[in-house]
Amino acid sequence: MSDNLTDQSEYTKRDFLKIVLGGSLIAWLASILYPVLAYMKPPKQAEVEVNSVKVGKLKDIEKEAGTIVRFGNKPVILVRTVNDELRAFSATCTHLDCTVQFRKDMGLIWCACHNGKYDLNGRNVAGPPPRPLDDFRVIIQGEDVFISKKS
């Protein structure tokens, strides 16, 4: 009978050691993997609240061309039409958030991701975009051009 008790206590000691060593191994792996995974995850950027951005001088903006401008954390496209009008829209496609560009040869704003097309009023005219581009106000003060949010 004493042999039976000794065998049970040895198994209990072995099981305890397996649990302790296994837990230590898991803790060691977690202490190695967590910093690596945390480093690979990009930090969250706070949303920058911007109401107005200076684009540049009016004379420096080409006719029949589009320029991408940073508006806080988001891109905005400024288009100077053939009639010398300045128009600004969100440069983020409403389909899958790709950046749009002005295509002089087509005379419209184009998204390369899925061939989405917008006219120079920001309305979606072809392709998969579900809604028009958000528009911005263009302000000319002397020679300077500003883009601001619409109220």
Protein backbone atom coordinates (compact mmCIF):
# COMPACT_ATOMS: atom_id res chain seq x y z
CA MET A 1 0.00 0.00 0.00
CA SER A 2 2.85 2.36 0.70
CA ASP A 3 4.14 1.84 -2.87
CA ASN A 4 0.79 2.96 -4.23
CA LEU A 5 0.86 6.20 -2.23
CA THR A 6 4.42 6.92 -3.33
CA ASP A 7 3.46 6.46 -6.98
CA GLN A 8 0.49 8.83 -6.63
CA SER A 9 2.59 11.53 -4.98
CA GLU A 10 5.26 11.26 -7.71
CA TYR A 11 2.69 11.72 -10.42
CA THR A 12 1.30 14.68 -8.58
CA LYS A 13 4.78 16.20 -8.31
CA ARG A 14 5.40 15.54 -12.01
CA ASP A 15 2.09 17.07 -12.99
CA PHE A 16 2.86 20.10 -10.84
CA LEU A 17 6.29 20.49 -12.47
CA LYS A 18 4.77 20.13 -15.96
CA ILE A 19 2.25 22.87 -15.17
CA VAL A 20 4.88 25.20 -13.71
CA LEU A 21 7.38 24.66 -16.52
CA GLY A 22 4.69 24.83 -19.21
CA GLY A 23 3.31 28.06 -17.72
CA SER A 24 6.83 29.50 -17.55
CA LEU A 25 7.39 28.64 -21.21
CA ILE A 26 4.11 30.29 -22.21
CA ALA A 27 4.95 33.40 -20.15
CA TRP A 28 8.42 33.57 -21.74
CA LEU A 29 6.96 33.29 -25.26
CA ALA A 30 4.38 35.99 -24.49
CA SER A 31 7.11 38.31 -23.16
CA ILE A 32 8.98 37.88 -26.45
CA LEU A 33 6.03 38.00 -28.88
CA TYR A 34 4.03 40.86 -27.34
CA PRO A 35 6.67 43.59 -27.89
CA VAL A 36 7.31 42.35 -31.43
CA LEU A 37 3.61 42.42 -32.32
CA ALA A 38 3.11 45.79 -30.56
CA TYR A 39 6.01 47.24 -32.59
CA MET A 40 4.53 46.03 -35.87
CA LYS A 41 1.12 47.61 -35.19
CA PRO A 42 1.13 51.22 -36.44
CA PRO A 43 0.29 53.87 -33.83
CA LYS A 44 -3.08 55.57 -34.03
CA GLN A 45 -2.82 59.12 -35.26
CA ALA A 46 -5.07 61.67 -33.70
CA GLU A 47 -7.42 63.34 -36.14
CA VAL A 48 -6.13 66.82 -36.87
CA GLU A 49 -8.92 69.39 -36.85
CA VAL A 50 -8.28 71.75 -39.76
CA ASN A 51 -10.71 74.34 -41.04
CA SER A 52 -8.58 76.01 -43.72
CA VAL A 53 -5.36 75.29 -45.63
CA LYS A 54 -3.27 77.61 -47.79
CA VAL A 55 -2.61 75.97 -51.15
CA GLY A 56 -0.28 78.54 -52.68
CA LYS A 57 -0.28 81.39 -55.16
CA LEU A 58 -2.95 81.56 -57.86
CA LYS A 59 -0.34 82.09 -60.59
CA ASP A 60 1.39 78.80 -59.63
CA ILE A 61 -1.73 76.65 -60.18
CA GLU A 62 -1.86 75.34 -63.75
CA LYS A 63 -4.96 75.61 -65.92
CA GLU A 64 -6.66 72.26 -66.65
CA ALA A 65 -4.74 70.53 -63.87
CA GLY A 66 -5.37 68.94 -60.51
CA THR A 67 -3.27 69.19 -57.37
CA ILE A 68 -3.46 66.99 -54.28
CA VAL A 69 -3.25 69.01 -51.05
CA ARG A 70 -3.05 67.73 -47.46
CA PHE A 71 -6.04 68.90 -45.43
CA GLY A 72 -5.16 67.70 -41.95
CA ASN A 73 -4.79 63.91 -42.29
CA LYS A 74 -6.83 63.72 -45.48
CA PRO A 75 -6.07 64.50 -49.12
CA VAL A 76 -8.04 67.12 -51.07
CA ILE A 77 -7.86 67.62 -54.83
CA LEU A 78 -7.86 71.18 -56.19
CA VAL A 79 -8.83 71.41 -59.87
CA ARG A 80 -8.41 74.46 -62.08
CA THR A 81 -10.81 74.08 -65.00
CA VAL A 82 -10.44 75.23 -68.58
CA ASN A 83 -12.77 78.17 -67.66
CA ASP A 84 -10.29 79.22 -64.93
CA GLU A 85 -12.58 78.08 -62.10
CA LEU A 86 -11.07 76.53 -58.97
CA ARG A 87 -12.89 73.59 -57.39
CA ALA A 88 -11.87 71.43 -54.44
CA PHE A 89 -13.09 67.99 -53.45
CA SER A 90 -12.09 65.21 -51.11
CA ALA A 91 -9.42 63.21 -52.95
CA THR A 92 -10.69 59.99 -51.37
CA CYS A 93 -12.87 57.85 -53.64
CA THR A 94 -16.25 57.07 -52.12
CA HIS A 95 -15.98 53.44 -53.24
CA LEU A 96 -12.89 52.04 -51.47
CA ASP A 97 -11.03 55.13 -50.22
CA CYS A 98 -8.41 55.16 -52.98
CA THR A 99 -6.88 58.53 -53.88
CA VAL A 100 -8.39 60.09 -57.00
CA GLN A 101 -6.60 62.17 -59.63
CA PHE A 102 -7.46 64.71 -62.30
CA ARG A 103 -7.25 63.37 -65.85
CA LYS A 104 -6.88 66.18 -68.38
CA ASP A 105 -7.34 63.77 -71.32
CA MET A 106 -10.76 62.70 -69.96
CA GLY A 107 -11.67 66.09 -68.48
CA LEU A 108 -12.71 64.51 -65.18
CA ILE A 109 -11.59 63.18 -61.82
CA TRP A 110 -10.63 59.52 -62.02
CA CYS A 111 -10.04 56.74 -59.51
CA ALA A 112 -7.50 54.17 -60.70
CA CYS A 113 -8.62 51.41 -58.32
CA HIS A 114 -11.82 50.42 -60.14
CA ASN A 115 -12.12 53.03 -62.91
CA GLY A 116 -14.47 55.28 -60.96
CA LYS A 117 -15.17 58.61 -62.64
CA TYR A 118 -16.40 61.93 -61.28
CA ASP A 119 -17.27 65.07 -63.22
CA LEU A 120 -15.75 68.44 -62.31
CA ASN A 121 -18.66 69.07 -59.93
CA GLY A 122 -17.68 65.99 -57.92
CA ARG A 123 -20.65 63.88 -59.04
CA ASN A 124 -20.03 60.21 -59.74
CA VAL A 125 -20.68 59.57 -63.43
CA ALA A 126 -19.22 56.09 -64.05
CA GLY A 127 -17.88 53.07 -62.24
CA PRO A 128 -18.62 51.74 -58.77
CA PRO A 129 -18.48 54.90 -56.58
CA PRO A 130 -21.80 55.03 -54.67
CA ARG A 131 -21.93 58.79 -54.03
CA PRO A 132 -20.30 62.09 -55.06
CA LEU A 133 -17.05 63.43 -53.65
CA ASP A 134 -17.31 65.75 -50.66
CA ASP A 135 -16.73 69.31 -51.83
CA PHE A 136 -14.73 72.09 -50.20
CA ARG A 137 -14.82 75.85 -50.51
CA VAL A 138 -12.04 77.61 -52.47
CA ILE A 139 -11.19 81.11 -51.27
CA ILE A 140 -8.94 83.53 -53.15
CA GLN A 141 -7.45 86.33 -51.05
CA GLY A 142 -5.26 88.52 -53.19
CA GLU A 143 -2.81 86.11 -54.82
CA ASP A 144 -3.24 83.36 -52.22
CA VAL A 145 -5.55 80.37 -52.63
CA PHE A 146 -7.11 78.69 -49.58
CA ILE A 147 -9.27 75.59 -49.21
CA SER A 148 -11.75 75.42 -46.34
CA LYS A 149 -14.55 73.18 -45.14
CA LYS A 150 -18.05 74.08 -46.17
CA SER A 151 -20.16 75.14 -43.20
